[in-house]
Amino acid sequence: MEGIDQKMNIDLLAYLKDPMTREVLYAEVLIQGILAGRRVDMEEVEALFRNKKMAETVRRYAEKAGSPA
């Protein structure tokens, strides 16, 4: 945890406590996975994300990568 806090220059626990910033972090993880060649189930993303803007951002990355929507 300390390594993440220092490398990313954030207080990870504080970010994970707030639902909005937690979803931003989740979206970042999904986007990094997409960029690394992984596929994402967009139905699941849209069902679980409250922040529809973040879900749409993940969708755009998935579409650019050729992942089925």
PDB file of N, CA and C in Angstrom:
ATOM      1  N   MET A   1       0.820  -1.176   0.000  1.00  0.00           N
ATOM      2  CA  MET A   1       0.000   0.000   0.000  1.00  0.00           C
ATOM      3  C   MET A   1       0.873   1.252   0.000  1.00  0.00           C
ATOM      4  N   GLU A   2       1.896   1.235   0.823  1.00  0.00           N
ATOM      5  CA  GLU A   2       2.786   2.390   0.923  1.00  0.00           C
ATOM      6  C   GLU A   2       3.472   2.670  -0.412  1.00  0.00           C
ATOM      7  N   GLY A   3       3.854   1.613  -1.115  1.00  0.00           N
ATOM      8  CA  GLY A   3       4.493   1.774  -2.419  1.00  0.00           C
ATOM      9  C   GLY A   3       3.569   2.426  -3.430  1.00  0.00           C
ATOM     10  N   ILE A   4       2.300   2.040  -3.413  1.00  0.00           N
ATOM     11  CA  ILE A   4       1.318   2.651  -4.310  1.00  0.00           C
ATOM     12  C   ILE A   4       1.166   4.121  -3.962  1.00  0.00           C
ATOM     13  N   ASP A   5       1.028   4.417  -2.687  1.00  0.00           N
ATOM     14  CA  ASP A   5       0.875   5.804  -2.258  1.00  0.00           C
ATOM     15  C   ASP A   5       2.050   6.660  -2.724  1.00  0.00           C
ATOM     16  N   GLN A   6       3.264   6.121  -2.605  1.00  0.00           N
ATOM     17  CA  GLN A   6       4.448   6.891  -2.971  1.00  0.00           C
ATOM     18  C   GLN A   6       4.618   6.998  -4.480  1.00  0.00           C
ATOM     19  N   LYS A   7       4.432   5.899  -5.205  1.00  0.00           N
ATOM     20  CA  LYS A   7       4.616   5.916  -6.655  1.00  0.00           C
ATOM     21  C   LYS A   7       3.549   6.747  -7.356  1.00  0.00           C
ATOM     22  N   MET A   8       2.318   6.623  -6.913  1.00  0.00           N
ATOM     23  CA  MET A   8       1.226   7.343  -7.568  1.00  0.00           C
ATOM     24  C   MET A   8       0.995   8.714  -6.937  1.00  0.00           C
ATOM     25  N   ASN A   9       1.661   8.979  -5.839  1.00  0.00           N
ATOM     26  CA  ASN A   9       1.533  10.245  -5.135  1.00  0.00           C
ATOM     27  C   ASN A   9       0.086  10.517  -4.717  1.00  0.00           C
ATOM     28  N   ILE A  10      -0.589   9.485  -4.210  1.00  0.00           N
ATOM     29  CA  ILE A  10      -1.960   9.620  -3.710  1.00  0.00           C
ATOM     30  C   ILE A  10      -2.090   8.847  -2.403  1.00  0.00           C
ATOM     31  N   ASP A  11      -3.120   9.143  -1.674  1.00  0.00           N
ATOM     32  CA  ASP A  11      -3.474   8.361  -0.494  1.00  0.00           C
ATOM     33  C   ASP A  11      -4.534   7.356  -0.950  1.00  0.00           C
ATOM     34  N   LEU A  12      -4.095   6.165  -1.309  1.00  0.00           N
ATOM     35  CA  LEU A  12      -4.975   5.173  -1.918  1.00  0.00           C
ATOM     36  C   LEU A  12      -6.184   4.854  -1.042  1.00  0.00           C
ATOM     37  N   LEU A  13      -5.986   4.692   0.236  1.00  0.00           N
ATOM     38  CA  LEU A  13      -7.114   4.360   1.116  1.00  0.00           C
ATOM     39  C   LEU A  13      -8.179   5.444   1.099  1.00  0.00           C
ATOM     40  N   ALA A  14      -7.762   6.691   1.073  1.00  0.00           N
ATOM     41  CA  ALA A  14      -8.729   7.793   1.008  1.00  0.00           C
ATOM     42  C   ALA A  14      -9.487   7.748  -0.315  1.00  0.00           C
ATOM     43  N   TYR A  15      -8.793   7.452  -1.403  1.00  0.00           N
ATOM     44  CA  TYR A  15      -9.446   7.365  -2.716  1.00  0.00           C
ATOM     45  C   TYR A  15     -10.438   6.210  -2.755  1.00  0.00           C
ATOM     46  N   LEU A  16     -10.086   5.089  -2.148  1.00  0.00           N
ATOM     47  CA  LEU A  16     -10.971   3.923  -2.176  1.00  0.00           C
ATOM     48  C   LEU A  16     -12.208   4.101  -1.300  1.00  0.00           C
ATOM     49  N   LYS A  17     -12.148   4.972  -0.320  1.00  0.00           N
ATOM     50  CA  LYS A  17     -13.303   5.214   0.556  1.00  0.00           C
ATOM     51  C   LYS A  17     -14.392   6.015  -0.147  1.00  0.00           C
ATOM     52  N   ASP A  18     -14.012   6.876  -1.080  1.00  0.00           N
ATOM     53  CA  ASP A  18     -14.976   7.711  -1.787  1.00  0.00           C
ATOM     54  C   ASP A  18     -15.472   6.981  -3.039  1.00  0.00           C
ATOM     55  N   PRO A  19     -16.784   6.738  -3.160  1.00  0.00           N
ATOM     56  CA  PRO A  19     -17.304   5.970  -4.296  1.00  0.00           C
ATOM     57  C   PRO A  19     -16.959   6.553  -5.666  1.00  0.00           C
ATOM     58  N   MET A  20     -16.970   7.866  -5.787  1.00  0.00           N
ATOM     59  CA  MET A  20     -16.688   8.478  -7.094  1.00  0.00           C
ATOM     60  C   MET A  20     -15.219   8.291  -7.495  1.00  0.00           C
ATOM     61  N   THR A  21     -14.308   8.562  -6.582  1.00  0.00           N
ATOM     62  CA  THR A  21     -12.896   8.392  -6.937  1.00  0.00           C
ATOM     63  C   THR A  21     -12.529   6.918  -7.063  1.00  0.00           C
ATOM     64  N   ARG A  22     -13.219   6.059  -6.322  1.00  0.00           N
ATOM     65  CA  ARG A  22     -12.980   4.618  -6.444  1.00  0.00           C
ATOM     66  C   ARG A  22     -13.324   4.162  -7.859  1.00  0.00           C
ATOM     67  N   GLU A  23     -14.439   4.649  -8.410  1.00  0.00           N
ATOM     68  CA  GLU A  23     -14.812   4.262  -9.772  1.00  0.00           C
ATOM     69  C   GLU A  23     -13.819   4.795 -10.803  1.00  0.00           C
ATOM     70  N   VAL A  24     -13.262   5.958 -10.549  1.00  0.00           N
ATOM     71  CA  VAL A  24     -12.239   6.491 -11.453  1.00  0.00           C
ATOM     72  C   VAL A  24     -11.024   5.569 -11.449  1.00  0.00           C
ATOM     73  N   LEU A  25     -10.624   5.113 -10.275  1.00  0.00           N
ATOM     74  CA  LEU A  25      -9.501   4.174 -10.186  1.00  0.00           C
ATOM     75  C   LEU A  25      -9.835   2.854 -10.874  1.00  0.00           C
ATOM     76  N   TYR A  26     -11.049   2.355 -10.687  1.00  0.00           N
ATOM     77  CA  TYR A  26     -11.464   1.119 -11.362  1.00  0.00           C
ATOM     78  C   TYR A  26     -11.407   1.297 -12.878  1.00  0.00           C
ATOM     79  N   ALA A  27     -11.901   2.441 -13.346  1.00  0.00           N
ATOM     80  CA  ALA A  27     -11.872   2.708 -14.785  1.00  0.00           C
ATOM     81  C   ALA A  27     -10.437   2.725 -15.293  1.00  0.00           C
ATOM     82  N   GLU A  28      -9.546   3.327 -14.539  1.00  0.00           N
ATOM     83  CA  GLU A  28      -8.133   3.370 -14.931  1.00  0.00           C
ATOM     84  C   GLU A  28      -7.542   1.965 -15.036  1.00  0.00           C
ATOM     85  N   VAL A  29      -7.878   1.122 -14.092  1.00  0.00           N
ATOM     86  CA  VAL A  29      -7.392  -0.265 -14.127  1.00  0.00           C
ATOM     87  C   VAL A  29      -7.927  -0.980 -15.367  1.00  0.00           C
ATOM     88  N   LEU A  30      -9.212  -0.803 -15.651  1.00  0.00           N
ATOM     89  CA  LEU A  30      -9.800  -1.433 -16.836  1.00  0.00           C
ATOM     90  C   LEU A  30      -9.155  -0.910 -18.120  1.00  0.00           C
ATOM     91  N   ILE A  31      -8.938   0.394 -18.194  1.00  0.00           N
ATOM     92  CA  ILE A  31      -8.328   0.986 -19.387  1.00  0.00           C
ATOM     93  C   ILE A  31      -6.905   0.465 -19.569  1.00  0.00           C
ATOM     94  N   GLN A  32      -6.145   0.365 -18.502  1.00  0.00           N
ATOM     95  CA  GLN A  32      -4.788  -0.176 -18.602  1.00  0.00           C
ATOM     96  C   GLN A  32      -4.822  -1.630 -19.090  1.00  0.00           C
ATOM     97  N   GLY A  33      -5.805  -2.387 -18.618  1.00  0.00           N
ATOM     98  CA  GLY A  33      -5.965  -3.758 -19.099  1.00  0.00           C
ATOM     99  C   GLY A  33      -6.306  -3.810 -20.569  1.00  0.00           C
ATOM    100  N   ILE A  34      -7.203  -2.937 -20.994  1.00  0.00           N
ATOM    101  CA  ILE A  34      -7.583  -2.873 -22.412  1.00  0.00           C
ATOM    102  C   ILE A  34      -6.360  -2.538 -23.262  1.00  0.00           C
ATOM    103  N   LEU A  35      -5.583  -1.556 -22.822  1.00  0.00           N
ATOM    104  CA  LEU A  35      -4.381  -1.175 -23.564  1.00  0.00           C
ATOM    105  C   LEU A  35      -3.352  -2.298 -23.612  1.00  0.00           C
ATOM    106  N   ALA A  36      -3.414  -3.207 -22.646  1.00  0.00           N
ATOM    107  CA  ALA A  36      -2.499  -4.352 -22.607  1.00  0.00           C
ATOM    108  C   ALA A  36      -3.054  -5.548 -23.381  1.00  0.00           C
ATOM    109  N   GLY A  37      -4.226  -5.369 -24.016  1.00  0.00           N
ATOM    110  CA  GLY A  37      -4.775  -6.430 -24.847  1.00  0.00           C
ATOM    111  C   GLY A  37      -5.873  -7.266 -24.219  1.00  0.00           C
ATOM    112  N   ARG A  38      -6.299  -6.919 -23.044  1.00  0.00           N
ATOM    113  CA  ARG A  38      -7.366  -7.677 -22.381  1.00  0.00           C
ATOM    114  C   ARG A  38      -8.732  -7.220 -22.873  1.00  0.00           C
ATOM    115  N   ARG A  39      -9.710  -8.074 -22.690  1.00  0.00           N
ATOM    116  CA  ARG A  39     -11.085  -7.754 -23.091  1.00  0.00           C
ATOM    117  C   ARG A  39     -11.919  -7.428 -21.858  1.00  0.00           C
ATOM    118  N   VAL A  40     -12.946  -6.622 -22.075  1.00  0.00           N
ATOM    119  CA  VAL A  40     -13.807  -6.165 -20.988  1.00  0.00           C
ATOM    120  C   VAL A  40     -15.251  -6.484 -21.343  1.00  0.00           C
ATOM    121  N   ASP A  41     -15.997  -6.992 -20.374  1.00  0.00           N
ATOM    122  CA  ASP A  41     -17.425  -7.226 -20.560  1.00  0.00           C
ATOM    123  C   ASP A  41     -18.151  -5.915 -20.269  1.00  0.00           C
ATOM    124  N   MET A  42     -18.528  -5.196 -21.333  1.00  0.00           N
ATOM    125  CA  MET A  42     -19.133  -3.878 -21.157  1.00  0.00           C
ATOM    126  C   MET A  42     -20.499  -3.943 -20.483  1.00  0.00           C
ATOM    127  N   GLU A  43     -21.220  -5.019 -20.646  1.00  0.00           N
ATOM    128  CA  GLU A  43     -22.501  -5.147 -19.945  1.00  0.00           C
ATOM    129  C   GLU A  43     -22.275  -5.139 -18.440  1.00  0.00           C
ATOM    130  N   GLU A  44     -21.239  -5.818 -18.015  1.00  0.00           N
ATOM    131  CA  GLU A  44     -20.918  -5.857 -16.590  1.00  0.00           C
ATOM    132  C   GLU A  44     -20.433  -4.489 -16.100  1.00  0.00           C
ATOM    133  N   VAL A  45     -19.591  -3.841 -16.895  1.00  0.00           N
ATOM    134  CA  VAL A  45     -19.101  -2.509 -16.526  1.00  0.00           C
ATOM    135  C   VAL A  45     -20.275  -1.554 -16.365  1.00  0.00           C
ATOM    136  N   GLU A  46     -21.170  -1.532 -17.338  1.00  0.00           N
ATOM    137  CA  GLU A  46     -22.306  -0.613 -17.280  1.00  0.00           C
ATOM    138  C   GLU A  46     -23.254  -0.945 -16.131  1.00  0.00           C
ATOM    139  N   ALA A  47     -23.375  -2.214 -15.791  1.00  0.00           N
ATOM    140  CA  ALA A  47     -24.250  -2.607 -14.685  1.00  0.00           C
ATOM    141  C   ALA A  47     -23.661  -2.219 -13.329  1.00  0.00           C
ATOM    142  N   LEU A  48     -22.330  -2.243 -13.211  1.00  0.00           N
ATOM    143  CA  LEU A  48     -21.692  -2.017 -11.915  1.00  0.00           C
ATOM    144  C   LEU A  48     -21.262  -0.571 -11.665  1.00  0.00           C
ATOM    145  N   PHE A  49     -21.016   0.182 -12.723  1.00  0.00           N
ATOM    146  CA  PHE A  49     -20.574   1.565 -12.559  1.00  0.00           C
ATOM    147  C   PHE A  49     -21.778   2.482 -12.349  1.00  0.00           C
ATOM    148  N   ARG A  50     -21.729   3.282 -11.331  1.00  0.00           N
ATOM    149  CA  ARG A  50     -22.753   4.311 -11.134  1.00  0.00           C
ATOM    150  C   ARG A  50     -22.456   5.529 -11.996  1.00  0.00           C
ATOM    151  N   ASN A  51     -21.171   5.820 -12.138  1.00  0.00           N
ATOM    152  CA  ASN A  51     -20.739   6.969 -12.922  1.00  0.00           C
ATOM    153  C   ASN A  51     -20.743   6.569 -14.398  1.00  0.00           C
ATOM    154  N   LYS A  52     -21.787   6.954 -15.097  1.00  0.00           N
ATOM    155  CA  LYS A  52     -21.953   6.540 -16.496  1.00  0.00           C
ATOM    156  C   LYS A  52     -20.881   7.149 -17.401  1.00  0.00           C
ATOM    157  N   LYS A  53     -20.330   8.299 -16.999  1.00  0.00           N
ATOM    158  CA  LYS A  53     -19.254   8.905 -17.776  1.00  0.00           C
ATOM    159  C   LYS A  53     -18.024   7.999 -17.762  1.00  0.00           C
ATOM    160  N   MET A  54     -17.727   7.410 -16.626  1.00  0.00           N
ATOM    161  CA  MET A  54     -16.583   6.500 -16.534  1.00  0.00           C
ATOM    162  C   MET A  54     -16.840   5.242 -17.355  1.00  0.00           C
ATOM    163  N   ALA A  55     -18.055   4.712 -17.307  1.00  0.00           N
ATOM    164  CA  ALA A  55     -18.396   3.526 -18.104  1.00  0.00           C
ATOM    165  C   ALA A  55     -18.250   3.839 -19.592  1.00  0.00           C
ATOM    166  N   GLU A  56     -18.660   5.017 -20.007  1.00  0.00           N
ATOM    167  CA  GLU A  56     -18.549   5.411 -21.408  1.00  0.00           C
ATOM    168  C   GLU A  56     -17.082   5.574 -21.816  1.00  0.00           C
ATOM    169  N   THR A  57     -16.265   6.076 -20.928  1.00  0.00           N
ATOM    170  CA  THR A  57     -14.833   6.207 -21.205  1.00  0.00           C
ATOM    171  C   THR A  57     -14.210   4.829 -21.414  1.00  0.00           C
ATOM    172  N   VAL A  58     -14.559   3.885 -20.564  1.00  0.00           N
ATOM    173  CA  VAL A  58     -14.060   2.509 -20.720  1.00  0.00           C
ATOM    174  C   VAL A  58     -14.542   1.944 -22.053  1.00  0.00           C
ATOM    175  N   ARG A  59     -15.807   2.206 -22.404  1.00  0.00           N
ATOM    176  CA  ARG A  59     -16.362   1.722 -23.682  1.00  0.00           C
ATOM    177  C   ARG A  59     -15.564   2.277 -24.868  1.00  0.00           C
ATOM    178  N   ARG A  60     -15.244   3.553 -24.841  1.00  0.00           N
ATOM    179  CA  ARG A  60     -14.491   4.152 -25.949  1.00  0.00           C
ATOM    180  C   ARG A  60     -13.126   3.484 -26.125  1.00  0.00           C
ATOM    181  N   TYR A  61     -12.448   3.225 -25.023  1.00  0.00           N
ATOM    182  CA  TYR A  61     -11.152   2.545 -25.102  1.00  0.00           C
ATOM    183  C   TYR A  61     -11.320   1.125 -25.646  1.00  0.00           C
ATOM    184  N   ALA A  62     -12.353   0.442 -25.182  1.00  0.00           N
ATOM    185  CA  ALA A  62     -12.596  -0.935 -25.654  1.00  0.00           C
ATOM    186  C   ALA A  62     -12.883  -0.943 -27.147  1.00  0.00           C
ATOM    187  N   GLU A  63     -13.661   0.019 -27.618  1.00  0.00           N
ATOM    188  CA  GLU A  63     -13.981   0.085 -29.048  1.00  0.00           C
ATOM    189  C   GLU A  63     -12.737   0.396 -29.872  1.00  0.00           C
ATOM    190  N   LYS A  64     -11.909   1.326 -29.385  1.00  0.00           N
ATOM    191  CA  LYS A  64     -10.673   1.665 -30.101  1.00  0.00           C
ATOM    192  C   LYS A  64      -9.741   0.464 -30.194  1.00  0.00           C
ATOM    193  N   ALA A  65      -9.759  -0.368 -29.161  1.00  0.00           N
ATOM    194  CA  ALA A  65      -8.888  -1.540 -29.124  1.00  0.00           C
ATOM    195  C   ALA A  65      -9.472  -2.720 -29.914  1.00  0.00           C
ATOM    196  N   GLY A  66     -10.687  -2.535 -30.421  1.00  0.00           N
ATOM    197  CA  GLY A  66     -11.307  -3.610 -31.187  1.00  0.00           C
ATOM    198  C   GLY A  66     -11.973  -4.656 -30.337  1.00  0.00           C
ATOM    199  N   SER A  67     -12.159  -4.346 -29.049  1.00  0.00           N
ATOM    200  CA  SER A  67     -12.844  -5.266 -28.144  1.00  0.00           C
ATOM    201  C   SER A  67     -14.345  -5.162 -28.387  1.00  0.00           C
ATOM    202  N   PRO A  68     -15.052  -6.285 -28.427  1.00  0.00           N
ATOM    203  CA  PRO A  68     -16.501  -6.206 -28.623  1.00  0.00           C
ATOM    204  C   PRO A  68     -17.168  -5.432 -27.502  1.00  0.00           C
ATOM    205  N   ALA A  69     -18.128  -4.621 -27.848  1.00  0.00           N
ATOM    206  CA  ALA A  69     -18.812  -3.775 -26.853  1.00  0.00           C
ATOM    207  C   ALA A  69     -19.879  -4.511 -26.121  1.00  0.00           C
TER     208      ALA A  69
END
